[in-house]
Amino acid sequence: MLQTSQTRRCREFTGPTPHSVAVRAKLPRSRLVDQLIVDRQKQDAARGRAVQLKTEQQSCDVKNSWLKKSDGRFLRRTIERRVQAAVRQNQVQIQDRRDRLRVLLQMEEQQLLQEMEEKVETSVERQAKMRERARTLRERRERETAAGVRQDGAALQGPV
């Protein structure tokens, strides 16, 4: 058989004669079984701590998100209350202004009605006014007539 350049990695090796095979002894383990068990327990404990830490972190994350949401709701509701208070105050101011303007309008209407009542002529005043006008018209007609008579008289007398 041809030997290859590669060496086999096994415990068996051939001897000087045909069919002679030798087995190498197993190397002793560098670690004892008890040590492996202890290492495995340490790994399990570390894994358990990691899982516990992860669950605690998730719990803290949930609490923090709840706190953030709660703070957001508190802030939003506080802002809503302030806005509603400002709107109510504005509505109260508008209503006060409306009331003042209503009172002012009523006063103006009363003054206008009073002025209209003062300007309304009674029948006696109307008759007196009509008599006065008739008298002035009569006097003017008489003056015009008298002036016309004088002009006619002067025209008749003419050139003397």
C-alpha atoms as a PDB file:
ATOM      1  CA  MET A   1       0.000   0.000   0.000  1.00  0.00           C
ATOM      2  CA  LEU A   2       1.136   3.433  -0.777  1.00  0.00           C
ATOM      3  CA  GLN A   3       1.426   5.799   2.077  1.00  0.00           C
ATOM      4  CA  THR A   4      -0.128   9.089   1.572  1.00  0.00           C
ATOM      5  CA  SER A   5       1.282  12.280   2.711  1.00  0.00           C
ATOM      6  CA  GLN A   6      -1.643  12.691   5.013  1.00  0.00           C
ATOM      7  CA  THR A   7      -1.474  11.067   8.342  1.00  0.00           C
ATOM      8  CA  ARG A   8      -4.570   9.541   9.751  1.00  0.00           C
ATOM      9  CA  ARG A   9      -5.823  10.742  13.000  1.00  0.00           C
ATOM     10  CA  CYS A  10      -6.970   7.753  14.791  1.00  0.00           C
ATOM     11  CA  ARG A  11      -5.790   5.577  17.617  1.00  0.00           C
ATOM     12  CA  GLU A  12      -4.919   2.644  15.402  1.00  0.00           C
ATOM     13  CA  PHE A  13      -1.640   2.366  13.568  1.00  0.00           C
ATOM     14  CA  THR A  14      -0.057  -0.436  11.572  1.00  0.00           C
ATOM     15  CA  GLY A  15       2.904  -2.339  12.761  1.00  0.00           C
ATOM     16  CA  PRO A  16       6.011  -3.708  10.942  1.00  0.00           C
ATOM     17  CA  THR A  17       4.369  -6.930   9.932  1.00  0.00           C
ATOM     18  CA  PRO A  18       1.250  -7.459   7.953  1.00  0.00           C
ATOM     19  CA  HIS A  19      -1.911  -7.598   9.909  1.00  0.00           C
ATOM     20  CA  SER A  20      -0.265  -6.175  12.926  1.00  0.00           C
ATOM     21  CA  VAL A  21      -2.173  -3.262  14.291  1.00  0.00           C
ATOM     22  CA  ALA A  22      -1.551  -1.412  17.461  1.00  0.00           C
ATOM     23  CA  VAL A  23      -3.954   0.790  19.359  1.00  0.00           C
ATOM     24  CA  ARG A  24      -2.732   3.820  21.111  1.00  0.00           C
ATOM     25  CA  ALA A  25      -4.002   4.550  24.568  1.00  0.00           C
ATOM     26  CA  LYS A  26      -6.581   7.261  25.107  1.00  0.00           C
ATOM     27  CA  LEU A  27      -5.219  10.468  26.358  1.00  0.00           C
ATOM     28  CA  PRO A  28      -6.456  11.160  29.829  1.00  0.00           C
ATOM     29  CA  ARG A  29      -9.042  13.851  30.016  1.00  0.00           C
ATOM     30  CA  SER A  30      -7.661  17.105  31.186  1.00  0.00           C
ATOM     31  CA  ARG A  31     -10.844  17.764  33.150  1.00  0.00           C
ATOM     32  CA  LEU A  32     -12.614  15.485  35.481  1.00  0.00           C
ATOM     33  CA  VAL A  33     -16.302  14.589  35.146  1.00  0.00           C
ATOM     34  CA  ASP A  34     -17.082  16.384  38.403  1.00  0.00           C
ATOM     35  CA  GLN A  35     -15.466  19.508  37.050  1.00  0.00           C
ATOM     36  CA  LEU A  36     -17.602  19.262  33.895  1.00  0.00           C
ATOM     37  CA  ILE A  37     -20.732  18.944  36.006  1.00  0.00           C
ATOM     38  CA  VAL A  38     -19.756  21.999  38.048  1.00  0.00           C
ATOM     39  CA  ASP A  39     -19.042  23.947  34.851  1.00  0.00           C
ATOM     40  CA  ARG A  40     -22.417  22.903  33.445  1.00  0.00           C
ATOM     41  CA  GLN A  41     -24.142  24.043  36.654  1.00  0.00           C
ATOM     42  CA  LYS A  42     -22.337  27.397  36.457  1.00  0.00           C
ATOM     43  CA  GLN A  43     -23.482  27.801  32.858  1.00  0.00           C
ATOM     44  CA  ASP A  44     -27.041  26.943  33.848  1.00  0.00           C
ATOM     45  CA  ALA A  45     -26.904  29.421  36.737  1.00  0.00           C
ATOM     46  CA  ALA A  46     -25.511  32.123  34.423  1.00  0.00           C
ATOM     47  CA  ARG A  47     -28.224  31.345  31.876  1.00  0.00           C
ATOM     48  CA  GLY A  48     -30.860  31.538  34.659  1.00  0.00           C
ATOM     49  CA  ARG A  49     -29.476  34.908  35.792  1.00  0.00           C
ATOM     50  CA  ALA A  50     -29.534  36.144  32.201  1.00  0.00           C
ATOM     51  CA  VAL A  51     -33.155  35.031  31.797  1.00  0.00           C
ATOM     52  CA  GLN A  52     -34.074  36.655  35.107  1.00  0.00           C
ATOM     53  CA  LEU A  53     -32.273  39.850  34.103  1.00  0.00           C
ATOM     54  CA  LYS A  54     -34.093  39.808  30.769  1.00  0.00           C
ATOM     55  CA  THR A  55     -37.498  39.419  32.454  1.00  0.00           C
ATOM     56  CA  GLU A  56     -36.657  42.215  34.923  1.00  0.00           C
ATOM     57  CA  GLN A  57     -35.589  44.424  32.007  1.00  0.00           C
ATOM     58  CA  GLN A  58     -38.837  43.682  30.182  1.00  0.00           C
ATOM     59  CA  SER A  59     -40.780  44.467  33.355  1.00  0.00           C
ATOM     60  CA  CYS A  60     -38.929  47.766  33.717  1.00  0.00           C
ATOM     61  CA  ASP A  61     -39.572  48.530  30.029  1.00  0.00           C
ATOM     62  CA  VAL A  62     -43.290  47.896  30.499  1.00  0.00           C
ATOM     63  CA  LYS A  63     -43.362  50.092  33.609  1.00  0.00           C
ATOM     64  CA  ASN A  64     -41.455  52.876  31.853  1.00  0.00           C
ATOM     65  CA  SER A  65     -43.734  52.768  28.813  1.00  0.00           C
ATOM     66  CA  TRP A  66     -46.777  52.849  31.109  1.00  0.00           C
ATOM     67  CA  LEU A  67     -45.318  55.831  32.977  1.00  0.00           C
ATOM     68  CA  LYS A  68     -44.592  57.645  29.706  1.00  0.00           C
ATOM     69  CA  LYS A  69     -48.113  56.990  28.437  1.00  0.00           C
ATOM     70  CA  SER A  70     -49.587  58.113  31.761  1.00  0.00           C
ATOM     71  CA  ASP A  71     -47.489  61.285  31.774  1.00  0.00           C
ATOM     72  CA  GLY A  72     -48.579  61.955  28.193  1.00  0.00           C
ATOM     73  CA  ARG A  73     -52.235  61.501  29.139  1.00  0.00           C
ATOM     74  CA  PHE A  74     -51.814  63.728  32.211  1.00  0.00           C
ATOM     75  CA  LEU A  75     -50.153  66.426  30.136  1.00  0.00           C
ATOM     76  CA  ARG A  76     -52.744  66.177  27.353  1.00  0.00           C
ATOM     77  CA  ARG A  77     -55.629  66.367  29.817  1.00  0.00           C
ATOM     78  CA  THR A  78     -54.000  69.294  31.639  1.00  0.00           C
ATOM     79  CA  ILE A  79     -53.657  71.131  28.331  1.00  0.00           C
ATOM     80  CA  GLU A  80     -57.273  70.304  27.441  1.00  0.00           C
ATOM     81  CA  ARG A  81     -58.458  71.643  30.810  1.00  0.00           C
ATOM     82  CA  ARG A  82     -56.482  74.860  30.326  1.00  0.00           C
ATOM     83  CA  VAL A  83     -57.809  75.316  26.800  1.00  0.00           C
ATOM     84  CA  GLN A  84     -61.373  74.682  27.960  1.00  0.00           C
ATOM     85  CA  ALA A  85     -60.905  77.182  30.813  1.00  0.00           C
ATOM     86  CA  ALA A  86     -59.600  79.782  28.337  1.00  0.00           C
ATOM     87  CA  VAL A  87     -62.531  79.115  25.999  1.00  0.00           C
ATOM     88  CA  ARG A  88     -65.006  79.435  28.870  1.00  0.00           C
ATOM     89  CA  GLN A  89     -63.379  82.681  29.989  1.00  0.00           C
ATOM     90  CA  ASN A  90     -63.537  83.994  26.424  1.00  0.00           C
ATOM     91  CA  GLN A  91     -67.210  83.022  26.193  1.00  0.00           C
ATOM     92  CA  VAL A  92     -67.917  84.805  29.481  1.00  0.00           C
ATOM     93  CA  GLN A  93     -66.186  87.937  28.173  1.00  0.00           C
ATOM     94  CA  ILE A  94     -68.161  87.756  24.931  1.00  0.00           C
ATOM     95  CA  GLN A  95     -71.417  87.323  26.852  1.00  0.00           C
ATOM     96  CA  ASP A  96     -70.554  90.325  29.071  1.00  0.00           C
ATOM     97  CA  ARG A  97     -69.871  92.408  25.980  1.00  0.00           C
ATOM     98  CA  ARG A  98     -73.149  91.278  24.417  1.00  0.00           C
ATOM     99  CA  ASP A  99     -75.003  92.245  27.590  1.00  0.00           C
ATOM    100  CA  ARG A 100     -73.383  95.689  27.643  1.00  0.00           C
ATOM    101  CA  LEU A 101     -74.157  96.215  23.961  1.00  0.00           C
ATOM    102  CA  ARG A 102     -77.756  95.035  24.496  1.00  0.00           C
ATOM    103  CA  VAL A 103     -78.207  97.561  27.325  1.00  0.00           C
ATOM    104  CA  LEU A 104     -76.650 100.300  25.179  1.00  0.00           C
ATOM    105  CA  LEU A 105     -78.949  99.405  22.257  1.00  0.00           C
ATOM    106  CA  GLN A 106     -82.001  99.466  24.517  1.00  0.00           C
ATOM    107  CA  MET A 107     -81.001 102.894  25.837  1.00  0.00           C
ATOM    108  CA  GLU A 108     -80.536 104.188  22.287  1.00  0.00           C
ATOM    109  CA  GLU A 109     -83.911 102.769  21.256  1.00  0.00           C
ATOM    110  CA  GLN A 110     -85.569 104.441  24.233  1.00  0.00           C
ATOM    111  CA  GLN A 111     -83.947 107.765  23.376  1.00  0.00           C
ATOM    112  CA  LEU A 112     -85.029 107.432  19.755  1.00  0.00           C
ATOM    113  CA  LEU A 113     -88.595 106.578  20.755  1.00  0.00           C
ATOM    114  CA  GLN A 114     -88.635 109.537  23.148  1.00  0.00           C
ATOM    115  CA  GLU A 115     -87.391 111.869  20.415  1.00  0.00           C
ATOM    116  CA  MET A 116     -90.014 110.484  18.031  1.00  0.00           C
ATOM    117  CA  GLU A 117     -92.736 111.057  20.632  1.00  0.00           C
ATOM    118  CA  GLU A 118     -91.503 114.592  21.158  1.00  0.00           C
ATOM    119  CA  LYS A 119     -91.607 115.246  17.406  1.00  0.00           C
ATOM    120  CA  VAL A 120     -95.097 113.838  16.964  1.00  0.00           C
ATOM    121  CA  GLU A 121     -97.537 116.694  16.536  1.00  0.00           C
ATOM    122  CA  THR A 122    -100.815 116.561  18.260  1.00  0.00           C
ATOM    123  CA  SER A 123    -103.930 117.552  16.378  1.00  0.00           C
ATOM    124  CA  VAL A 124    -104.109 120.849  18.279  1.00  0.00           C
ATOM    125  CA  GLU A 125    -100.511 121.678  17.353  1.00  0.00           C
ATOM    126  CA  ARG A 126    -101.210 120.723  13.734  1.00  0.00           C
ATOM    127  CA  GLN A 127    -104.279 122.940  13.609  1.00  0.00           C
ATOM    128  CA  ALA A 128    -102.353 125.833  15.162  1.00  0.00           C
ATOM    129  CA  LYS A 129     -99.584 125.350  12.631  1.00  0.00           C
ATOM    130  CA  MET A 130    -102.076 125.256   9.762  1.00  0.00           C
ATOM    131  CA  ARG A 131    -103.809 128.437  11.005  1.00  0.00           C
ATOM    132  CA  GLU A 132    -100.439 130.172  11.251  1.00  0.00           C
ATOM    133  CA  ARG A 133     -99.550 129.131   7.730  1.00  0.00           C
ATOM    134  CA  ALA A 134    -102.965 130.215   6.444  1.00  0.00           C
ATOM    135  CA  ARG A 135    -102.545 133.613   8.153  1.00  0.00           C
ATOM    136  CA  THR A 136     -99.041 134.077   6.625  1.00  0.00           C
ATOM    137  CA  LEU A 137    -100.325 133.072   3.191  1.00  0.00           C
ATOM    138  CA  ARG A 138    -103.286 135.465   3.521  1.00  0.00           C
ATOM    139  CA  GLU A 139    -101.016 138.329   4.538  1.00  0.00           C
ATOM    140  CA  ARG A 140     -98.690 137.632   1.631  1.00  0.00           C
ATOM    141  CA  ARG A 141    -101.610 137.497  -0.816  1.00  0.00           C
ATOM    142  CA  GLU A 142    -102.932 140.785   0.569  1.00  0.00           C
ATOM    143  CA  ARG A 143     -99.504 142.392   0.174  1.00  0.00           C
ATOM    144  CA  GLU A 144     -99.237 141.103  -3.380  1.00  0.00           C
ATOM    145  CA  THR A 145    -102.700 142.332  -4.142  1.00  0.00           C
ATOM    146  CA  ALA A 146    -101.939 145.727  -2.610  1.00  0.00           C
ATOM    147  CA  ALA A 147     -98.701 145.920  -4.570  1.00  0.00           C
ATOM    148  CA  GLY A 148    -100.565 145.002  -7.780  1.00  0.00           C
ATOM    149  CA  VAL A 149    -103.199 147.690  -7.105  1.00  0.00           C
ATOM    150  CA  ARG A 150    -100.508 150.309  -6.567  1.00  0.00           C
ATOM    151  CA  GLN A 151     -98.789 149.348  -9.784  1.00  0.00           C
ATOM    152  CA  ASP A 152    -102.073 149.449 -11.668  1.00  0.00           C
ATOM    153  CA  GLY A 153    -102.924 152.811 -10.109  1.00  0.00           C
ATOM    154  CA  ALA A 154     -99.566 154.239 -11.024  1.00  0.00           C
ATOM    155  CA  ALA A 155     -99.885 152.907 -14.531  1.00  0.00           C
ATOM    156  CA  LEU A 156    -103.338 154.494 -14.912  1.00  0.00           C
ATOM    157  CA  GLN A 157    -102.206 157.818 -13.670  1.00  0.00           C
ATOM    158  CA  GLY A 158     -99.301 157.467 -15.959  1.00  0.00           C
ATOM    159  CA  PRO A 159     -97.830 160.547 -17.517  1.00  0.00           C
ATOM    160  CA  VAL A 160     -99.190 163.560 -15.936  1.00  0.00           C
END
